[in-house]
Amino acid sequence: MIGLFKRSPKATLPDTAALGTATLALGMGSGCTVPKGCTGVVADDKGHTRRVAEGGRIVLADSENAFCFHPGPYGVDLVPFCAAPELGLRLSFAVDGPDPRVAQQRFDLFLASEAGDTLGVREFAAAIESALRQELALGHLALPPCTTLDEWNAFRGGFNQLLYTRFGISVDDCVPVDLGERVDYAHMLLARAASVPEVQAAPARPVPIAAPFDAHGSDAKALRRLFLELPCVMHGLRMAVLPPGQALFQQHMALLRRLDHVSLSVNTMPALALAAPGETLPADRQLARTRHSLRASAALDQAWALLARLGLASSNDLAALFDDADRIVANLEHECAARRVAIILPESEPA
């Protein structure tokens, strides 16, 4: 009977001094108390989340982990165009407040599916910058030289909706800034030229592919994102408001059925290292599987951006948006199917 009522050790509170400044969110252990001005988020292995208010004690089950975030506001500088690093945007944002109309807050899903032990403001700003550059490159957002007021307002509306849909944050302010004093473009070009290796003749025999990154970790993270986020993307697409008309309705239903099949494929995806039960997959094929997972994850990012555009689209724009949705779903189908097979297939870039 000795030790039956032994007191459990007190949880060690992580260093929260940087929350709200350099750190946006960090992991918490069971028994920790949510610091003042912050919010706790508990997520299970299926992606279901619940919030813990300021001052509340975090109690975790075996399959759960927890985060603590400060809502901000935060200020970051973004570079929309790689070719013009002196032209920037100064963004001020905050984590969006709880919306009682939804079962899960978008930022909570981001923490559950994408965040590691610590989410720094710089790391989060890089994700925002990547999403912005992608939309500008695809022509879904426009920021032309000598932008007029109407063009700027259209850009701000699309950018605000993108950040709300993709990350669950609200934009307080966004203004253009000149980063020329902090960016030496000539020095960047010289450094880029010095880092480019000399072009060599192609080898006579193929060389085994070596992974420049953690293939297992990257594959697991990409599949976790697909597993947790695809149902939410499907829900957002299902809630799209359509004008009267049989053609768009049928296209809408077909997209949802295809996404159902993609989601089923993700839920039954084979392990990275197995070609069959008890049979190990070669390293080059494991790397190829990881590449397909990452490309499927990139298509998932495009799906979130599409939902943002759907939220602002008029009835006249829906046909073009559904055509783009067809392209994104086709990429998801292709990459998930290629991830499942155990043989080397010719790799092709997504459309």
Foldseek 3Di string as FASTA:
>chain_A
DPCPPPDDDAFDADDCPCAQPFFFKAWGDAFDAAAPQKKKWKAFLQQQIDIDDHRGGHHDDPRITMMIGHFYFDWDWAQLDPVCRQKIKIWTKGAADDDPVDNDQQQSSCCVQPDDRTHTPVNVRVVLSVLSNVCCVVVVQDDDPPDDPVNVVVNVLLSQLLCCLNNRMGTPDMDMDGNVVVDDVVVVVVVVVVPDDDDDDDDPDDDQDDDPDDLQVLLVSLLSCLQNCLVVLLVLLVPQDADDDDVVVVLSVVLSVLSVVLNVLSVPADHLQDQDVVHGADPSLSNVLSVLSVQLSVLVSVSSSLSSCSVVDDNVCVVVSSVVSVLSSVSSVVSSVSSRHRDDDDDDDRD
